[in-house]
Protein backbone atom coordinates (compact mmCIF):
# COMPACT_ATOMS: atom_id res chain seq x y z
CA UNK A 1 14.33 -14.02 14.13
CA UNK A 2 14.22 -12.01 17.34
CA UNK A 3 11.91 -13.01 20.18
CA UNK A 4 8.95 -10.63 19.51
CA UNK A 5 8.77 -11.77 15.91
CA UNK A 6 9.10 -15.42 16.90
CA UNK A 7 6.23 -15.05 19.35
CA UNK A 8 3.69 -13.87 16.79
CA UNK A 9 4.17 -17.06 14.78
CA UNK A 10 3.46 -19.39 17.71
CA UNK A 11 -0.20 -19.67 16.67
CA UNK A 12 -0.90 -22.45 14.12
CA UNK A 13 -1.27 -21.36 10.52
CA UNK A 14 0.32 -17.94 10.89
CA UNK A 15 3.42 -18.73 8.81
CA UNK A 16 1.32 -20.17 6.01
CA UNK A 17 -1.11 -17.27 5.62
CA UNK A 18 1.64 -14.67 5.95
CA UNK A 19 3.65 -16.42 3.21
CA UNK A 20 0.55 -16.59 1.00
CA UNK A 21 0.02 -12.88 1.61
CA UNK A 22 3.59 -12.16 0.51
CA UNK A 23 3.06 -13.96 -2.80
CA UNK A 24 -0.37 -12.40 -3.38
CA UNK A 25 0.87 -8.89 -2.63
CA UNK A 26 3.61 -8.90 -5.27
CA UNK A 27 1.26 -7.31 -7.85
CA UNK A 28 0.99 -4.31 -5.49
CA UNK A 29 4.47 -3.20 -6.55
CA UNK A 30 4.63 -4.92 -9.95
CA UNK A 31 1.47 -4.05 -11.86
CA UNK A 32 1.67 -0.26 -11.83
CA UNK A 33 5.36 0.07 -12.59
CA UNK A 34 5.13 -2.90 -14.97
CA UNK A 35 2.39 -1.20 -16.97
CA UNK A 36 4.38 2.05 -17.04
CA UNK A 37 7.50 0.21 -18.21
CA UNK A 38 5.62 -1.87 -20.77
CA UNK A 39 3.81 1.09 -22.32
CA UNK A 40 6.91 3.29 -22.33
CA UNK A 41 8.84 0.47 -24.00
CA UNK A 42 6.21 -0.06 -26.70
CA UNK A 43 5.00 3.51 -27.32
CA UNK A 44 7.59 5.79 -25.70
CA UNK A 45 4.76 7.84 -24.15
CA UNK A 46 5.16 8.36 -20.41
CA UNK A 47 1.94 10.36 -20.35
CA UNK A 48 -0.06 7.39 -21.65
CA UNK A 49 1.80 5.05 -19.31
CA UNK A 50 1.05 7.23 -16.29
CA UNK A 51 -2.60 7.62 -17.32
CA UNK A 52 -3.06 3.83 -17.55
CA UNK A 53 -1.41 3.33 -14.17
CA UNK A 54 -3.68 6.05 -12.79
CA UNK A 55 -6.75 4.34 -14.25
CA UNK A 56 -5.83 1.12 -12.49
CA UNK A 57 -5.46 3.02 -9.23
CA UNK A 58 -8.75 4.92 -9.58
CA UNK A 59 -10.61 1.72 -10.43
CA UNK A 60 -9.06 0.06 -7.39
CA UNK A 61 -10.12 3.00 -5.26
CA UNK A 62 -13.73 2.56 -6.37
CA UNK A 63 -13.91 -1.24 -6.29
CA UNK A 64 -11.52 -2.19 -3.46
CA UNK A 65 -13.63 -1.06 -0.47
CA UNK A 66 -16.69 -2.76 -1.91
CA UNK A 67 -14.77 -6.02 -2.26
CA UNK A 68 -13.58 -5.75 1.34
CA UNK A 69 -17.10 -4.98 2.54
CA UNK A 70 -18.24 -8.20 0.88
CA UNK A 71 -15.35 -10.01 2.57
CA UNK A 72 -16.41 -8.71 5.99
CA UNK A 73 -19.94 -9.96 5.28
CA UNK A 74 -19.36 -13.27 3.46
CA UNK A 75 -15.77 -14.27 4.25
CA UNK A 76 -12.47 -14.21 2.37
CA UNK A 77 -12.71 -17.52 0.53
CA UNK A 78 -16.09 -16.78 -1.09
CA UNK A 79 -15.11 -13.33 -2.37
CA UNK A 80 -11.40 -13.35 -3.21
CA UNK A 81 -11.32 -16.10 -5.84
CA UNK A 82 -13.82 -14.62 -8.31
CA UNK A 83 -12.42 -11.13 -7.76
CA UNK A 84 -8.86 -12.27 -8.48
CA UNK A 85 -10.09 -14.07 -11.60
CA UNK A 86 -11.42 -10.76 -12.97
CA UNK A 87 -8.04 -9.12 -12.40
CA UNK A 88 -6.02 -11.92 -13.99
CA UNK A 89 -8.29 -11.99 -17.05
CA UNK A 90 -8.02 -8.21 -17.42
CA UNK A 91 -4.21 -8.32 -17.25
CA UNK A 92 -4.03 -11.05 -19.89
CA UNK A 93 -6.37 -9.09 -22.16
CA UNK A 94 -4.26 -5.93 -21.75
CA UNK A 95 -1.08 -7.79 -22.63
CA UNK A 96 -2.69 -9.25 -25.73
CA UNK A 97 -3.98 -5.79 -26.71
CA UNK A 98 -0.52 -4.23 -26.35
CA UNK A 99 1.12 -7.07 -28.24
CA UNK A 100 -1.45 -6.83 -31.03
CA UNK A 101 -1.36 -3.04 -31.33
CA UNK A 102 -4.99 -2.56 -30.31
CA UNK A 103 -6.46 0.97 -29.93
CA UNK A 104 -5.65 2.78 -26.72
CA UNK A 105 -9.25 2.83 -25.49
CA UNK A 106 -9.06 -0.95 -25.04
CA UNK A 107 -6.01 -0.46 -22.80
CA UNK A 108 -8.10 1.70 -20.50
CA UNK A 109 -10.97 -0.80 -20.42
CA UNK A 110 -8.53 -3.48 -19.28
CA UNK A 111 -7.03 -1.08 -16.73
CA UNK A 112 -10.48 -0.66 -15.15
CA UNK A 113 -10.74 -4.45 -14.76
CA UNK A 114 -7.28 -4.67 -13.25
CA UNK A 115 -8.48 -2.28 -10.55
CA UNK A 116 -10.55 -5.13 -9.10
CA UNK A 117 -7.36 -6.54 -7.54
CA UNK A 118 -8.26 -7.52 -3.94
CA UNK A 119 -6.29 -6.03 -1.05
CA UNK A 120 -4.34 -9.05 0.20
CA UNK A 121 -2.62 -6.88 2.79
CA UNK A 122 -5.96 -6.06 4.40
CA UNK A 123 -6.93 -9.75 4.39
CA UNK A 124 -3.72 -10.82 6.12
CA UNK A 125 -3.96 -8.05 8.71
CA UNK A 126 -7.55 -9.04 9.46
CA UNK A 127 -6.28 -12.57 10.20
CA UNK A 128 -3.58 -11.22 12.53
CA UNK A 129 -6.19 -9.08 14.30
CA UNK A 130 -8.44 -12.10 14.86
CA UNK A 131 -5.59 -14.30 16.14
CA UNK A 132 -3.91 -11.79 18.48
CA UNK A 133 -6.99 -9.92 19.65
CA UNK A 134 -6.43 -8.92 23.28
CA UNK A 135 -2.63 -9.23 22.91
CA UNK A 136 -1.62 -5.66 21.98
CA UNK A 137 2.15 -6.12 21.99
CA UNK A 138 1.91 -9.16 19.71
CA UNK A 139 -0.48 -7.34 17.41
CA UNK A 140 1.87 -4.37 17.21
CA UNK A 141 4.73 -6.69 16.25
CA UNK A 142 2.55 -8.59 13.77
CA UNK A 143 1.51 -5.42 11.99
CA UNK A 144 5.10 -4.20 11.97
CA UNK A 145 6.15 -7.52 10.45
CA UNK A 146 3.55 -7.07 7.74
CA UNK A 147 4.94 -3.61 7.04
CA UNK A 148 8.30 -5.28 6.48
CA UNK A 149 6.64 -7.80 4.14
CA UNK A 150 5.15 -4.88 2.21
CA UNK A 151 8.58 -3.33 1.83
CA UNK A 152 10.09 -6.63 0.73
CA UNK A 153 7.39 -6.64 -1.92
CA UNK A 154 8.39 -3.12 -2.95
CA UNK A 155 12.06 -4.08 -3.03
CA UNK A 156 11.61 -7.21 -5.14
CA UNK A 157 8.59 -6.20 -7.21
CA UNK A 158 10.04 -3.29 -9.22
CA UNK A 159 13.29 -5.18 -9.78
CA UNK A 160 11.38 -8.15 -11.20
CA UNK A 161 8.84 -6.10 -13.15
CA UNK A 162 11.14 -3.49 -14.68
CA UNK A 163 13.94 -6.02 -15.18
CA UNK A 164 11.74 -8.53 -16.99
CA UNK A 165 10.09 -5.84 -19.13
CA UNK A 166 13.40 -4.35 -20.23
CA UNK A 167 15.56 -7.48 -20.49
CA UNK A 168 13.11 -10.21 -21.58
CA UNK A 169 9.98 -8.85 -23.29
CA UNK A 170 7.79 -5.82 -22.64
CA UNK A 171 4.81 -7.69 -21.21
CA UNK A 172 6.80 -10.00 -18.90
CA UNK A 173 6.45 -7.93 -15.70
CA UNK A 174 2.64 -7.61 -15.65
CA UNK A 175 2.33 -11.26 -16.71
CA UNK A 176 4.34 -12.46 -13.70
CA UNK A 177 2.34 -10.12 -11.43
CA UNK A 178 -0.91 -11.75 -12.56
CA UNK A 179 0.56 -15.18 -11.84
CA UNK A 180 1.58 -14.11 -8.34
CA UNK A 181 -1.93 -12.81 -7.63
CA UNK A 182 -3.64 -15.99 -8.74
CA UNK A 183 -1.29 -18.24 -6.78
CA UNK A 184 -1.39 -16.06 -3.66
CA UNK A 185 -5.20 -15.91 -3.55
CA UNK A 186 -5.50 -19.68 -4.02
CA UNK A 187 -3.00 -20.34 -1.23
CA UNK A 188 -4.61 -17.86 1.17
CA UNK A 189 -8.21 -18.94 0.65
CA UNK A 190 -7.24 -22.60 1.07
CA UNK A 191 -6.34 -21.84 4.71
CA UNK A 192 -9.79 -21.80 6.25
CA UNK A 193 -8.61 -22.35 9.84
CA UNK A 194 -7.24 -18.81 10.23
CA UNK A 195 -9.91 -17.03 8.19
CA UNK A 196 -11.82 -14.45 10.26
CA UNK A 197 -15.47 -15.22 10.79
CA UNK A 198 -17.75 -13.16 8.53
CA UNK A 199 -20.14 -10.73 10.19
CA UNK A 200 -23.88 -10.90 9.46
CA UNK A 201 -25.74 -8.16 7.63
CA UNK A 202 -27.01 -6.71 10.94
CA UNK A 203 -23.46 -5.60 11.84
CA UNK A 204 -23.38 -3.43 8.72
CA UNK A 205 -26.74 -1.71 9.17
CA UNK A 206 -25.21 1.68 10.01
CA UNK A 207 -23.45 1.99 6.65
CA UNK A 208 -19.87 2.14 5.51
CA UNK A 209 -16.76 2.34 7.67
CA UNK A 210 -16.13 5.62 5.86
CA UNK A 211 -18.76 7.24 8.10
CA UNK A 212 -16.63 6.69 11.19
CA UNK A 213 -15.11 9.91 12.64
CA UNK A 214 -11.61 10.62 11.45
CA UNK A 215 -11.64 8.26 8.47
CA UNK A 216 -12.05 11.09 5.90
CA UNK A 217 -8.94 12.74 7.39
CA UNK A 218 -6.94 9.53 7.16
CA UNK A 219 -8.03 9.02 3.58
CA UNK A 220 -7.09 12.60 2.71
CA UNK A 221 -3.62 12.09 4.15
CA UNK A 222 -3.25 8.86 2.22
CA UNK A 223 -4.23 10.60 -1.01
CA UNK A 224 -1.25 12.91 -0.55
CA UNK A 225 1.01 10.05 0.50
CA UNK A 226 -0.06 7.91 -2.46
CA UNK A 227 0.68 10.83 -4.77
CA UNK A 228 4.23 10.77 -3.47
CA UNK A 229 4.58 7.04 -4.18
CA UNK A 230 2.98 7.17 -7.64
CA UNK A 231 5.03 10.17 -8.70
CA UNK A 232 8.31 8.75 -7.41
CA UNK A 233 7.79 5.52 -9.38
CA UNK A 234 7.19 7.30 -12.69
CA UNK A 235 9.83 9.99 -12.20
CA UNK A 236 12.54 7.56 -11.09
CA UNK A 237 11.98 5.45 -14.21
CA UNK A 238 12.17 8.53 -16.44
CA UNK A 239 15.16 9.93 -14.49
CA UNK A 240 17.11 6.72 -15.10
CA UNK A 241 16.00 6.60 -18.75
CA UNK A 242 17.24 10.14 -19.37
CA UNK A 243 20.67 9.07 -18.14
CA UNK A 244 20.77 5.91 -20.25
CA UNK A 245 20.32 3.48 -17.33
CA UNK A 246 16.61 2.62 -17.39
CA UNK A 247 16.99 -0.87 -15.82
CA UNK A 248 18.74 0.76 -12.83
CA UNK A 249 15.47 2.44 -11.88
CA UNK A 250 14.40 -0.78 -10.16
CA UNK A 251 17.47 -0.68 -7.92
CA UNK A 252 16.87 2.97 -7.02
CA UNK A 253 13.26 2.22 -6.11
CA UNK A 254 14.48 -0.76 -4.09
CA UNK A 255 16.55 1.55 -1.87
CA UNK A 256 13.37 3.54 -1.19
CA UNK A 257 11.64 0.38 0.00
CA UNK A 258 14.74 -0.83 1.85
CA UNK A 259 14.75 2.27 4.04
CA UNK A 260 11.13 1.63 4.98
CA UNK A 261 11.82 -2.08 5.54
CA UNK A 262 14.61 -1.39 8.03
CA UNK A 263 12.51 1.21 9.82
CA UNK A 264 9.62 -1.24 10.05
CA UNK A 265 11.82 -3.97 11.55
CA UNK A 266 13.11 -1.59 14.20
CA UNK A 267 9.65 -0.20 14.94
CA UNK A 268 8.30 -3.68 15.64
CA UNK A 269 10.85 -4.12 18.43
CA UNK A 270 9.99 -0.96 20.37
CA UNK A 271 7.03 0.08 22.50
CA UNK A 272 5.86 3.42 21.12
CA UNK A 273 4.82 6.09 23.59
CA UNK A 274 2.43 8.97 23.21
CA UNK A 275 -0.82 8.98 21.31
CA UNK A 276 -1.29 7.26 17.96
CA UNK A 277 -2.53 10.46 16.34
CA UNK A 278 0.52 12.34 17.60
CA UNK A 279 2.90 9.73 16.19
CA UNK A 280 0.98 9.76 12.92
CA UNK A 281 1.24 13.55 12.55
CA UNK A 282 4.95 13.46 13.31
CA UNK A 283 5.53 10.71 10.75
CA UNK A 284 3.66 12.52 7.99
CA UNK A 285 5.58 15.75 8.67
CA UNK A 286 8.92 13.93 8.55
CA UNK A 287 7.86 12.31 5.29
CA UNK A 288 7.21 15.77 3.85
CA UNK A 289 10.64 17.04 4.91
CA UNK A 290 12.30 13.95 3.43
CA UNK A 291 11.01 14.79 -0.06
CA UNK A 292 13.13 17.95 -0.28
CA UNK A 293 16.52 16.27 -1.07
CA UNK A 294 15.26 14.53 -4.28
CA UNK A 295 14.66 18.03 -5.69
CA UNK A 296 18.40 18.67 -5.54
CA UNK A 297 19.97 15.46 -6.87
CA UNK A 298 21.65 15.19 -10.26
CA UNK A 299 22.51 11.51 -10.62
CA UNK A 300 21.18 8.07 -9.76
CA UNK A 301 23.52 7.44 -6.84
CA UNK A 302 22.44 10.54 -4.95
CA UNK A 303 18.81 9.89 -5.84
CA UNK A 304 19.08 6.40 -4.34
CA UNK A 305 20.58 7.86 -1.15
CA UNK A 306 17.87 10.52 -0.89
CA UNK A 307 15.08 7.99 -1.39
CA UNK A 308 16.61 5.61 1.15
CA UNK A 309 16.43 8.24 3.89
CA UNK A 310 12.94 9.22 2.77
CA UNK A 311 11.93 5.57 3.05
CA UNK A 312 12.85 5.54 6.74
CA UNK A 313 9.75 7.64 7.45
CA UNK A 314 7.26 5.37 5.68
CA UNK A 315 6.80 2.15 7.68
CA UNK A 316 6.40 3.70 11.17
CA UNK A 317 3.82 6.13 9.77
CA UNK A 318 1.89 3.37 8.03
CA UNK A 319 2.06 1.10 11.07
CA UNK A 320 0.60 3.84 13.24
CA UNK A 321 -2.17 4.48 10.72
CA UNK A 322 -3.54 0.97 11.28
CA UNK A 323 -3.72 1.69 14.99
CA UNK A 324 -5.93 4.64 14.15
CA UNK A 325 -8.13 2.57 11.83
CA UNK A 326 -8.70 -0.03 14.55
CA UNK A 327 -9.81 2.71 16.93
CA UNK A 328 -11.98 4.60 14.47
CA UNK A 329 -14.04 1.79 12.92
CA UNK A 330 -16.10 -1.06 14.44
CA UNK A 331 -14.42 -4.47 14.40
CA UNK A 332 -17.11 -5.83 12.06
CA UNK A 333 -15.87 -3.34 9.45
CA UNK A 334 -12.12 -3.66 10.04
CA UNK A 335 -11.25 -5.13 6.62
CA UNK A 336 -13.27 -2.42 4.91
CA UNK A 337 -11.67 0.27 7.07
CA UNK A 338 -8.15 -0.90 6.24
CA UNK A 339 -9.07 -1.03 2.57
CA UNK A 340 -10.37 2.56 2.66
CA UNK A 341 -6.85 3.70 3.60
CA UNK A 342 -5.61 1.72 0.61
CA UNK A 343 -8.25 3.49 -1.44
CA UNK A 344 -6.91 6.88 -0.47
CA UNK A 345 -3.44 5.63 -1.29
CA UNK A 346 -4.64 4.35 -4.67
CA UNK A 347 -6.32 7.65 -5.56
CA UNK A 348 -3.08 9.41 -4.66
CA UNK A 349 -1.00 7.00 -6.73
CA UNK A 350 -3.31 7.69 -9.66
CA UNK A 351 -3.01 11.46 -9.31
CA UNK A 352 0.72 11.39 -8.65
CA UNK A 353 1.52 9.03 -11.53
CA UNK A 354 -0.60 10.94 -14.03
CA UNK A 355 0.68 14.38 -13.02
CA UNK A 356 4.29 13.21 -12.81
CA UNK A 357 4.01 11.66 -16.28
CA UNK A 358 2.75 14.91 -17.78
CA UNK A 359 5.35 17.07 -16.04
CA UNK A 360 8.10 14.65 -17.05
CA UNK A 361 7.01 14.73 -20.70
CA UNK A 362 6.88 18.54 -20.65
CA UNK A 363 9.84 19.54 -18.46
CA UNK A 364 11.96 16.47 -17.73
CA UNK A 365 12.32 14.17 -14.73
CA UNK A 366 14.33 16.52 -12.50
CA UNK A 367 11.65 19.21 -12.60
CA UNK A 368 8.95 16.59 -11.94
CA UNK A 369 10.29 15.87 -8.44
CA UNK A 370 8.33 18.96 -7.41
CA UNK A 371 5.19 16.81 -7.73
CA UNK A 372 5.97 14.41 -4.84
CA UNK A 373 7.34 17.29 -2.76
CA UNK A 374 4.08 19.22 -3.07
CA UNK A 375 2.04 16.06 -2.44
CA UNK A 376 3.93 15.35 0.78
CA UNK A 377 3.32 18.90 1.94
CA UNK A 378 -0.39 18.45 1.21
CA UNK A 379 -0.49 15.25 3.29
CA UNK A 380 1.16 17.00 6.23
CA UNK A 381 -1.27 19.91 5.96
CA UNK A 382 -4.32 17.63 5.97
CA UNK A 383 -2.95 15.69 8.96
CA UNK A 384 -2.37 18.90 10.89
CA UNK A 385 -5.78 20.41 10.13
CA UNK A 386 -7.60 17.16 10.89
CA UNK A 387 -5.58 16.19 13.97
CA UNK A 388 -8.47 16.54 16.42
CA UNK A 389 -10.74 14.36 14.30
CA UNK A 390 -8.25 11.50 14.59
CA UNK A 391 -8.97 11.15 18.28
CA UNK A 392 -10.87 7.90 18.94
CA UNK A 393 -14.33 7.82 20.43
CA UNK A 394 -14.33 8.39 24.23
CA UNK A 395 -14.81 4.68 24.96
CA UNK A 396 -11.69 3.92 22.86
CA UNK A 397 -9.57 6.86 23.94
CA UNK A 398 -6.15 6.35 25.47
CA UNK A 399 -6.31 6.88 29.25
CA UNK A 400 -3.38 8.23 31.24
CA UNK A 401 -0.69 5.56 31.49
CA UNK A 402 -2.15 3.36 28.79
CA UNK A 403 -4.95 3.10 26.30
CA UNK A 404 -8.10 1.20 25.50
CA UNK A 405 -8.28 -0.89 22.35
CA UNK A 406 -12.02 -1.31 22.59
CA UNK A 407 -11.75 -4.46 24.71
CA UNK A 408 -10.37 -3.04 27.96
CA UNK A 409 -7.54 -0.83 29.14
CA UNK A 410 -4.08 -1.79 27.94
CA UNK A 411 -0.87 -0.85 29.71
CA UNK A 412 1.24 2.09 28.69
CA UNK A 413 3.73 -0.11 26.82
CA UNK A 414 1.15 -2.19 24.97
CA UNK A 415 0.86 -0.18 21.77
CA UNK A 416 -1.25 -1.62 18.98
CA UNK A 417 -0.27 -0.42 15.57
CA UNK A 418 -0.56 -1.64 12.03
CA UNK A 419 0.49 -0.98 8.46
CA UNK A 420 -1.07 -0.76 5.00
CA UNK A 421 1.37 -0.12 1.62
CA UNK A 422 1.41 0.44 -1.09
CA UNK A 423 -0.94 -2.57 -2.68
């Protein structure tokens, strides 16, 4: 481990809560694709599979910020355990319903419950923010490290979920995801020493973090970005299935995450220059350009290569987005603010998965790659139109030669960034 990454783990308890966050975040990449694989295996209907995955995402978009608001107010340990229990019970009920051939409406009821999955990524990042507050370079590296953890999750998760569903039994992937969530939440909430202090009700009197300037723009961009992710998952699975290599879809998706993982590692070692909103706009535009090559591929090898290069644009963009969240929302609402970006992502995943499933059923997987391409273009358009709204409040604005993180001016090389992703 290189020196910047070694330094962030000098504080006691950091290795333990980061490891717990890794385990608890596995469902982020396993549940959606696992449900799609399970339903497509049992029913052969990609439209139904995409609609269920979309229902999970929409439910998460509605419930997730409220869970995080409760966490900000009452603390992680008091909120996460009962919330995770709802998710695990909903997953088990869905698996039993699929196994028993229950009516489809029951599948959707369970999918709504699964949407209660807490955002473990937001919880871990809130702990990093509390530990390295006032140390911008360490916080930048910590958030970049968490972006790498997210990509590790997206490399391993689809391989495990799709592989187990196709090789062992159809319900195996979502079942393992539920186990990961339960174990991860128990491990994380047992570590009380690094848990951020809850904020009293008075700190929340002015309403939701969503009212902060610029947050609607960020959420809009993440809706488009999530649509890319949700569509790519569904289309890649169908693309591989059409060519008789359905299990290989997990490997193709892993290359997508690998590109982002490598970019995140490199980004954590540098000191970004310029404004956070400028870097964010550039990243979103590059992401849009990178979705053109998948439109042209004809086999799995070239698709894997195209997605790898597209993945290189993800982590730096997501890392920078957390910098913007920290500037746009009060510290007492940081967990909620981070979760709102996940909410936008979840809404996008829902839309992308559902639309990609329908287009795939109607026209085939190759034609469906137009869905993520259009979604990426939408994200870039929203980022460009809302660029000025992403500027922080004057007291948090970056001065010449450095910037202010809300606690004092930080030198020009002390960039503070962070990452959400996918979970």
